[in-house]
């Protein structure tokens, strides 16, 4: 083999080793965070549509049951959403602590 072919093989092997090592893990981690961010944006978009629908219901509904039922649903969903957000924040905090321990060792 010529020197250029051997150098090309060595570079390809080094790139593959890097991809399997820490750089591959970093790419996978970035991909997971990007997907989570995309999921959050989709959820916010759906919540905005639901909010507009709720305003329309409150503006046009004549039944007290519909008004108070939708108000109770908003309160319940706010509580559930808050709990989910707190759990996500705690999960992120634990992930960051784990990463900090890996960097220190």
C-alpha atoms as a PDB file:
ATOM      1  CA  UNK A   1       0.000   0.000   0.000  1.00  0.00           C
ATOM      2  CA  UNK A   2       1.032   3.531  -0.535  1.00  0.00           C
ATOM      3  CA  UNK A   3       1.534   5.940   2.330  1.00  0.00           C
ATOM      4  CA  UNK A   4      -1.618   7.864   1.422  1.00  0.00           C
ATOM      5  CA  UNK A   5      -3.806   4.750   1.635  1.00  0.00           C
ATOM      6  CA  UNK A   6      -2.399   3.808   5.033  1.00  0.00           C
ATOM      7  CA  UNK A   7      -2.905   7.339   6.276  1.00  0.00           C
ATOM      8  CA  UNK A   8      -6.515   7.288   5.040  1.00  0.00           C
ATOM      9  CA  UNK A   9      -7.165   4.002   6.827  1.00  0.00           C
ATOM     10  CA  UNK A  10      -5.593   5.337  10.029  1.00  0.00           C
ATOM     11  CA  UNK A  11      -7.735   8.473   9.880  1.00  0.00           C
ATOM     12  CA  UNK A  12     -10.887   6.417   9.295  1.00  0.00           C
ATOM     13  CA  UNK A  13     -10.057   4.152  12.235  1.00  0.00           C
ATOM     14  CA  UNK A  14      -9.343   7.148  14.484  1.00  0.00           C
ATOM     15  CA  UNK A  15     -12.643   8.761  13.490  1.00  0.00           C
ATOM     16  CA  UNK A  16     -14.497   5.517  14.210  1.00  0.00           C
ATOM     17  CA  UNK A  17     -12.813   5.216  17.610  1.00  0.00           C
ATOM     18  CA  UNK A  18     -13.764   8.790  18.475  1.00  0.00           C
ATOM     19  CA  UNK A  19     -17.348   8.186  17.376  1.00  0.00           C
ATOM     20  CA  UNK A  20     -17.617   5.122  19.609  1.00  0.00           C
ATOM     21  CA  UNK A  21     -15.980   6.897  22.522  1.00  0.00           C
ATOM     22  CA  UNK A  22     -16.912  10.143  24.162  1.00  0.00           C
ATOM     23  CA  UNK A  23     -17.784  12.072  21.011  1.00  0.00           C
ATOM     24  CA  UNK A  24     -20.396   9.490  20.023  1.00  0.00           C
ATOM     25  CA  UNK A  25     -21.926   9.733  23.490  1.00  0.00           C
ATOM     26  CA  UNK A  26     -21.965  13.520  23.259  1.00  0.00           C
ATOM     27  CA  UNK A  27     -23.732  13.360  19.918  1.00  0.00           C
ATOM     28  CA  UNK A  28     -26.331  10.927  21.283  1.00  0.00           C
ATOM     29  CA  UNK A  29     -26.869  13.121  24.338  1.00  0.00           C
ATOM     30  CA  UNK A  30     -27.292  16.202  22.174  1.00  0.00           C
ATOM     31  CA  UNK A  31     -29.774  14.330  20.001  1.00  0.00           C
ATOM     32  CA  UNK A  32     -31.839  13.285  23.035  1.00  0.00           C
ATOM     33  CA  UNK A  33     -31.902  16.855  24.377  1.00  0.00           C
ATOM     34  CA  UNK A  34     -32.913  18.199  20.957  1.00  0.00           C
ATOM     35  CA  UNK A  35     -35.801  15.750  20.760  1.00  0.00           C
ATOM     36  CA  UNK A  36     -36.940  16.712  24.265  1.00  0.00           C
ATOM     37  CA  UNK A  37     -36.804  20.393  23.291  1.00  0.00           C
ATOM     38  CA  UNK A  38     -38.834  19.672  20.159  1.00  0.00           C
ATOM     39  CA  UNK A  39     -41.404  17.788  22.241  1.00  0.00           C
ATOM     40  CA  UNK A  40     -41.714  20.792  24.556  1.00  0.00           C
ATOM     41  CA  UNK A  41     -42.281  23.147  21.623  1.00  0.00           C
ATOM     42  CA  UNK A  42     -45.008  20.889  20.230  1.00  0.00           C
ATOM     43  CA  UNK A  43     -46.659  20.726  23.651  1.00  0.00           C
ATOM     44  CA  UNK A  44     -46.582  24.519  24.001  1.00  0.00           C
ATOM     45  CA  UNK A  45     -48.163  24.885  20.564  1.00  0.00           C
ATOM     46  CA  UNK A  46     -50.954  22.468  21.485  1.00  0.00           C
ATOM     47  CA  UNK A  47     -51.514  24.252  24.801  1.00  0.00           C
ATOM     48  CA  UNK A  48     -51.809  27.579  22.971  1.00  0.00           C
ATOM     49  CA  UNK A  49     -54.486  26.107  20.697  1.00  0.00           C
ATOM     50  CA  UNK A  50     -56.302  24.694  23.725  1.00  0.00           C
ATOM     51  CA  UNK A  51     -56.156  28.086  25.444  1.00  0.00           C
ATOM     52  CA  UNK A  52     -57.711  29.785  22.420  1.00  0.00           C
ATOM     53  CA  UNK A  53     -60.416  27.118  22.359  1.00  0.00           C
ATOM     54  CA  UNK A  54     -61.043  27.658  26.050  1.00  0.00           C
ATOM     55  CA  UNK A  55     -61.485  31.394  25.536  1.00  0.00           C
ATOM     56  CA  UNK A  56     -63.983  30.676  22.760  1.00  0.00           C
ATOM     57  CA  UNK A  57     -65.890  28.284  25.042  1.00  0.00           C
ATOM     58  CA  UNK A  58     -65.946  30.814  27.887  1.00  0.00           C
ATOM     59  CA  UNK A  59     -67.108  33.574  25.537  1.00  0.00           C
ATOM     60  CA  UNK A  60     -69.911  31.578  23.907  1.00  0.00           C
ATOM     61  CA  UNK A  61     -71.107  29.055  26.513  1.00  0.00           C
ATOM     62  CA  UNK A  62     -74.427  29.684  28.193  1.00  0.00           C
ATOM     63  CA  UNK A  63     -74.511  26.591  30.403  1.00  0.00           C
ATOM     64  CA  UNK A  64     -73.158  26.998  33.933  1.00  0.00           C
ATOM     65  CA  UNK A  65     -72.043  23.360  33.884  1.00  0.00           C
ATOM     66  CA  UNK A  66     -69.805  23.967  30.875  1.00  0.00           C
ATOM     67  CA  UNK A  67     -68.333  27.138  32.371  1.00  0.00           C
ATOM     68  CA  UNK A  68     -67.602  25.708  35.816  1.00  0.00           C
ATOM     69  CA  UNK A  69     -66.528  22.345  34.415  1.00  0.00           C
ATOM     70  CA  UNK A  70     -64.007  23.961  32.084  1.00  0.00           C
ATOM     71  CA  UNK A  71     -62.783  26.170  34.935  1.00  0.00           C
ATOM     72  CA  UNK A  72     -62.242  23.086  37.125  1.00  0.00           C
ATOM     73  CA  UNK A  73     -60.461  21.345  34.240  1.00  0.00           C
ATOM     74  CA  UNK A  74     -58.108  24.309  33.852  1.00  0.00           C
ATOM     75  CA  UNK A  75     -57.265  24.231  37.555  1.00  0.00           C
ATOM     76  CA  UNK A  76     -56.681  20.460  37.493  1.00  0.00           C
ATOM     77  CA  UNK A  77     -54.519  20.608  34.363  1.00  0.00           C
ATOM     78  CA  UNK A  78     -52.490  23.460  35.860  1.00  0.00           C
ATOM     79  CA  UNK A  79     -51.727  21.345  38.925  1.00  0.00           C
ATOM     80  CA  UNK A  80     -50.798  18.301  36.833  1.00  0.00           C
ATOM     81  CA  UNK A  81     -48.627  20.433  34.538  1.00  0.00           C
ATOM     82  CA  UNK A  82     -46.859  21.999  37.491  1.00  0.00           C
ATOM     83  CA  UNK A  83     -46.058  18.621  38.998  1.00  0.00           C
ATOM     84  CA  UNK A  84     -44.713  17.386  35.645  1.00  0.00           C
ATOM     85  CA  UNK A  85     -42.551  20.480  35.329  1.00  0.00           C
ATOM     86  CA  UNK A  86     -41.121  20.031  38.830  1.00  0.00           C
ATOM     87  CA  UNK A  87     -40.283  16.392  38.051  1.00  0.00           C
ATOM     88  CA  UNK A  88     -38.584  17.432  34.796  1.00  0.00           C
ATOM     89  CA  UNK A  89     -36.528  20.065  36.630  1.00  0.00           C
ATOM     90  CA  UNK A  90     -35.446  17.504  39.235  1.00  0.00           C
ATOM     91  CA  UNK A  91     -34.554  14.996  36.506  1.00  0.00           C
ATOM     92  CA  UNK A  92     -32.459  17.641  34.725  1.00  0.00           C
ATOM     93  CA  UNK A  93     -30.740  18.568  37.987  1.00  0.00           C
ATOM     94  CA  UNK A  94     -29.851  14.923  38.653  1.00  0.00           C
ATOM     95  CA  UNK A  95     -28.519  14.532  35.108  1.00  0.00           C
ATOM     96  CA  UNK A  96     -26.328  17.612  35.534  1.00  0.00           C
ATOM     97  CA  UNK A  97     -25.020  16.331  38.873  1.00  0.00           C
ATOM     98  CA  UNK A  98     -24.171  13.004  37.231  1.00  0.00           C
ATOM     99  CA  UNK A  99     -22.322  14.806  34.424  1.00  0.00           C
ATOM    100  CA  UNK A 100     -20.411  16.945  36.942  1.00  0.00           C
ATOM    101  CA  UNK A 101     -19.296  13.808  38.813  1.00  0.00           C
ATOM    102  CA  UNK A 102     -18.112  12.256  35.536  1.00  0.00           C
ATOM    103  CA  UNK A 103     -16.081  15.359  34.722  1.00  0.00           C
ATOM    104  CA  UNK A 104     -14.464  15.393  38.162  1.00  0.00           C
ATOM    105  CA  UNK A 105     -13.385  11.759  37.987  1.00  0.00           C
END
